[in-house]
Amino acid sequence: MQTFADMTYKMSNKWFLGVNGKYQFTEDIEIKRRGDVKADNWRAGAHIGMTL
């Protein structure tokens, strides 16, 4: 399962920029010598672009 958000700001008729983030919920995984490990993770990013 995952949840995410994205926000974009239009600066002019052509240019835009934004940020985004995601959190992923995962099952525990088993690693030798460490036992069960949680693999949940965060991801964040940014974008900039131009519309044609």
N, C-alpha and C. Protein backbone atom coordinates (compact mmCIF):
# COMPACT_ATOMS: atom_id res chain seq x y z
N MET A 1 0.85 -1.16 0.00
CA MET A 1 0.00 0.00 0.00
C MET A 1 0.91 1.23 0.00
N GLN A 2 0.44 2.32 -0.58
CA GLN A 2 1.21 3.54 -0.59
C GLN A 2 0.29 4.75 -0.57
N THR A 3 0.84 5.87 -0.12
CA THR A 3 0.12 7.13 -0.15
C THR A 3 1.07 8.18 -0.73
N PHE A 4 0.53 9.12 -1.49
CA PHE A 4 1.39 10.12 -2.10
C PHE A 4 0.68 11.44 -2.23
N ALA A 5 1.48 12.50 -2.39
CA ALA A 5 0.95 13.85 -2.59
C ALA A 5 1.82 14.57 -3.61
N ASP A 6 1.21 15.47 -4.36
CA ASP A 6 1.92 16.22 -5.39
C ASP A 6 1.35 17.63 -5.41
N MET A 7 2.22 18.63 -5.48
CA MET A 7 1.78 20.01 -5.56
C MET A 7 2.57 20.70 -6.68
N THR A 8 1.85 21.34 -7.59
CA THR A 8 2.49 22.02 -8.72
C THR A 8 2.04 23.47 -8.76
N TYR A 9 2.99 24.35 -9.01
CA TYR A 9 2.72 25.79 -9.09
C TYR A 9 3.01 26.26 -10.51
N LYS A 10 2.03 26.87 -11.16
CA LYS A 10 2.20 27.39 -12.51
C LYS A 10 2.73 28.81 -12.41
N MET A 11 3.97 29.04 -12.88
CA MET A 11 4.64 30.34 -12.73
C MET A 11 4.24 31.33 -13.82
N SER A 12 3.99 30.86 -15.01
CA SER A 12 3.60 31.72 -16.14
C SER A 12 2.80 30.86 -17.11
N ASN A 13 2.60 31.34 -18.32
CA ASN A 13 1.86 30.55 -19.31
C ASN A 13 2.58 29.26 -19.69
N LYS A 14 3.92 29.21 -19.55
CA LYS A 14 4.67 28.03 -19.97
C LYS A 14 5.34 27.26 -18.84
N TRP A 15 5.84 27.93 -17.82
CA TRP A 15 6.68 27.29 -16.82
C TRP A 15 5.91 26.87 -15.57
N PHE A 16 6.31 25.75 -15.00
CA PHE A 16 5.73 25.28 -13.74
C PHE A 16 6.81 24.59 -12.91
N LEU A 17 6.59 24.50 -11.60
CA LEU A 17 7.47 23.76 -10.72
C LEU A 17 6.66 23.15 -9.60
N GLY A 18 7.21 22.14 -8.95
CA GLY A 18 6.45 21.48 -7.90
C GLY A 18 7.28 20.53 -7.06
N VAL A 19 6.60 19.96 -6.08
CA VAL A 19 7.20 18.97 -5.18
C VAL A 19 6.25 17.79 -5.04
N ASN A 20 6.81 16.64 -4.68
CA ASN A 20 5.98 15.47 -4.46
C ASN A 20 6.61 14.58 -3.40
N GLY A 21 5.79 13.74 -2.81
CA GLY A 21 6.28 12.81 -1.80
C GLY A 21 5.44 11.55 -1.78
N LYS A 22 6.06 10.46 -1.38
CA LYS A 22 5.36 9.17 -1.34
C LYS A 22 5.85 8.40 -0.12
N TYR A 23 4.93 7.69 0.53
CA TYR A 23 5.28 6.76 1.61
C TYR A 23 4.74 5.40 1.23
N GLN A 24 5.60 4.38 1.28
CA GLN A 24 5.19 3.02 0.93
C GLN A 24 5.20 2.15 2.19
N PHE A 25 4.08 1.48 2.42
CA PHE A 25 3.93 0.52 3.51
C PHE A 25 4.20 -0.86 2.92
N THR A 26 5.14 -1.59 3.48
CA THR A 26 5.48 -2.91 2.94
C THR A 26 5.40 -3.96 4.04
N GLU A 27 5.43 -5.20 3.63
CA GLU A 27 5.49 -6.31 4.58
C GLU A 27 6.91 -6.41 5.12
N ASP A 28 7.06 -6.98 6.32
CA ASP A 28 8.39 -7.22 6.85
C ASP A 28 9.09 -8.24 5.96
N ILE A 29 10.40 -8.06 5.79
CA ILE A 29 11.17 -9.03 5.01
C ILE A 29 12.19 -9.68 5.95
N GLU A 30 12.55 -10.91 5.64
CA GLU A 30 13.50 -11.63 6.48
C GLU A 30 14.89 -11.58 5.85
N ILE A 31 15.86 -11.12 6.63
CA ILE A 31 17.24 -11.06 6.18
C ILE A 31 18.07 -11.96 7.10
N LYS A 32 18.92 -12.79 6.50
CA LYS A 32 19.75 -13.69 7.30
C LYS A 32 20.55 -12.90 8.32
N ARG A 33 20.66 -13.42 9.51
CA ARG A 33 21.40 -12.86 10.64
C ARG A 33 20.77 -11.60 11.24
N ARG A 34 19.71 -11.06 10.63
CA ARG A 34 19.07 -9.86 11.19
C ARG A 34 17.62 -10.09 11.54
N GLY A 35 17.04 -11.17 11.05
CA GLY A 35 15.63 -11.45 11.33
C GLY A 35 14.71 -10.60 10.47
N ASP A 36 13.52 -10.34 10.99
CA ASP A 36 12.54 -9.53 10.25
C ASP A 36 12.96 -8.06 10.25
N VAL A 37 12.85 -7.44 9.09
CA VAL A 37 13.23 -6.04 8.91
C VAL A 37 12.08 -5.32 8.24
N LYS A 38 11.75 -4.13 8.71
CA LYS A 38 10.72 -3.32 8.05
C LYS A 38 11.32 -2.67 6.80
N ALA A 39 10.59 -2.68 5.71
CA ALA A 39 11.08 -2.10 4.45
C ALA A 39 10.26 -0.87 4.05
N ASP A 40 9.45 -0.32 4.99
CA ASP A 40 8.69 0.90 4.68
C ASP A 40 9.67 2.00 4.29
N ASN A 41 9.25 2.90 3.40
CA ASN A 41 10.18 3.94 2.95
C ASN A 41 9.46 5.20 2.50
N TRP A 42 10.21 6.30 2.54
CA TRP A 42 9.77 7.61 2.08
C TRP A 42 10.49 7.96 0.78
N ARG A 43 9.83 8.76 -0.06
CA ARG A 43 10.49 9.29 -1.26
C ARG A 43 9.99 10.70 -1.46
N ALA A 44 10.90 11.62 -1.76
CA ALA A 44 10.53 13.01 -2.02
C ALA A 44 11.21 13.45 -3.32
N GLY A 45 10.56 14.34 -4.03
CA GLY A 45 11.13 14.80 -5.29
C GLY A 45 10.65 16.22 -5.63
N ALA A 46 11.27 16.75 -6.65
CA ALA A 46 10.90 18.07 -7.16
C ALA A 46 10.86 18.01 -8.67
N HIS A 47 10.07 18.88 -9.28
CA HIS A 47 10.02 18.91 -10.74
C HIS A 47 9.87 20.33 -11.23
N ILE A 48 10.40 20.56 -12.40
CA ILE A 48 10.26 21.84 -13.09
C ILE A 48 10.05 21.52 -14.56
N GLY A 49 9.23 22.29 -15.23
CA GLY A 49 8.96 21.98 -16.61
C GLY A 49 8.35 23.12 -17.39
N MET A 50 8.09 22.83 -18.66
CA MET A 50 7.53 23.81 -19.57
C MET A 50 6.44 23.13 -20.40
N THR A 51 5.30 23.76 -20.54
CA THR A 51 4.24 23.25 -21.38
C THR A 51 4.38 23.86 -22.77
N LEU A 52 4.08 23.10 -23.76
CA LEU A 52 4.19 23.58 -25.15
C LEU A 52 2.85 23.91 -25.73
